[in-house]
Amino acid sequence: MPDDRPGTFHACDLACAVDNAELCDHHSGLQPQALVFAKKVSRAWVNFARTGNPNHSGLPQWPAYTRDEGAIIRIWGSPG
């Protein structure tokens, strides 16, 4: 996050994975894009836990990872 907020650090994704970016405002800065990002990440984790598939309408289609096709997804700045 800008404004002298920490960059990437160990376990920085946990607040997003459980949609607690508002509670971890010292990391998110309560910036709107950080809160939207947390909702997208959390929803992907919930979908993955429920069905084994992280896809949802707020993300581009994320194909399953295979050894031959190492699919990754860019969530920050994605549509939805």
Protein backbone atom coordinates (compact mmCIF):
# COMPACT_ATOMS: atom_id res chain seq x y z
CA MET A 1 0.00 0.00 0.00
CA PRO A 2 1.18 3.52 -0.64
CA ASP A 3 1.48 6.22 2.03
CA ASP A 4 4.33 4.50 3.89
CA ARG A 5 2.31 1.33 4.46
CA PRO A 6 4.25 -1.95 4.47
CA GLY A 7 4.83 -3.72 1.21
CA THR A 8 4.66 -7.47 0.88
CA PHE A 9 5.64 -9.32 4.05
CA HIS A 10 5.21 -12.82 5.46
CA ALA A 11 1.50 -13.59 5.98
CA CYS A 12 0.35 -10.25 4.50
CA ASP A 13 -2.34 -12.15 2.60
CA LEU A 14 -4.09 -13.47 5.72
CA ALA A 15 -6.14 -10.34 6.39
CA CYS A 16 -7.38 -10.51 2.80
CA ALA A 17 -8.00 -14.26 2.83
CA VAL A 18 -10.50 -13.80 5.66
CA ASP A 19 -11.75 -10.37 4.49
CA ASN A 20 -10.40 -8.51 7.52
CA ALA A 21 -8.66 -5.66 5.69
CA GLU A 22 -10.86 -3.20 7.58
CA LEU A 23 -9.64 -4.59 10.91
CA CYS A 24 -6.02 -4.59 9.75
CA ASP A 25 -6.09 -0.95 8.75
CA HIS A 26 -2.42 -0.55 9.62
CA HIS A 27 -1.74 -2.75 6.56
CA SER A 28 -4.59 -1.78 4.23
CA GLY A 29 -4.72 1.92 5.04
CA LEU A 30 -8.49 1.45 4.58
CA GLN A 31 -7.92 2.28 0.94
CA PRO A 32 -10.94 1.38 -1.20
CA GLN A 33 -8.90 -0.76 -3.61
CA ALA A 34 -7.47 -2.75 -0.68
CA LEU A 35 -10.95 -3.45 0.69
CA VAL A 36 -12.21 -4.56 -2.74
CA PHE A 37 -9.12 -6.74 -3.15
CA ALA A 38 -9.76 -8.40 0.23
CA LYS A 39 -13.33 -9.24 -0.75
CA LYS A 40 -12.17 -10.79 -4.05
CA VAL A 41 -9.46 -12.87 -2.36
CA SER A 42 -11.73 -13.99 0.46
CA ARG A 43 -14.49 -15.02 -1.91
CA ALA A 44 -11.98 -17.02 -3.98
CA TRP A 45 -10.76 -18.85 -0.86
CA VAL A 46 -14.32 -19.60 0.27
CA ASN A 47 -15.26 -20.91 -3.17
CA PHE A 48 -12.10 -23.02 -3.26
CA ALA A 49 -12.82 -24.47 0.20
CA ARG A 50 -16.41 -25.28 -0.74
CA THR A 51 -15.93 -26.62 -4.25
CA GLY A 52 -12.22 -26.91 -5.07
CA ASN A 53 -12.70 -24.09 -7.61
CA PRO A 54 -11.80 -20.49 -6.65
CA ASN A 55 -13.64 -18.87 -9.58
CA HIS A 56 -16.36 -16.29 -9.04
CA SER A 57 -17.95 -13.44 -10.97
CA GLY A 58 -15.54 -10.85 -9.54
CA LEU A 59 -12.49 -12.49 -11.13
CA PRO A 60 -11.38 -13.39 -14.63
CA GLN A 61 -11.70 -17.12 -15.33
CA TRP A 62 -8.92 -18.93 -13.47
CA PRO A 63 -8.11 -22.30 -15.08
CA ALA A 64 -6.90 -25.17 -12.93
CA TYR A 65 -3.15 -25.41 -12.43
CA THR A 66 -1.40 -28.28 -14.20
CA ARG A 67 2.26 -29.14 -14.49
CA ASP A 68 2.18 -28.27 -18.19
CA GLU A 69 0.04 -25.14 -17.83
CA GLY A 70 1.08 -23.32 -14.66
CA ALA A 71 -1.95 -21.03 -14.52
CA ILE A 72 -1.76 -17.99 -12.28
CA ILE A 73 -4.17 -15.09 -11.85
CA ARG A 74 -3.74 -11.38 -11.28
CA ILE A 75 -6.36 -10.31 -8.75
CA TRP A 76 -5.19 -6.76 -8.00
CA GLY A 77 -6.78 -4.52 -10.60
CA SER A 78 -8.91 -7.29 -12.12
CA PRO A 79 -12.46 -6.51 -13.23
CA GLY A 80 -15.38 -6.90 -10.88
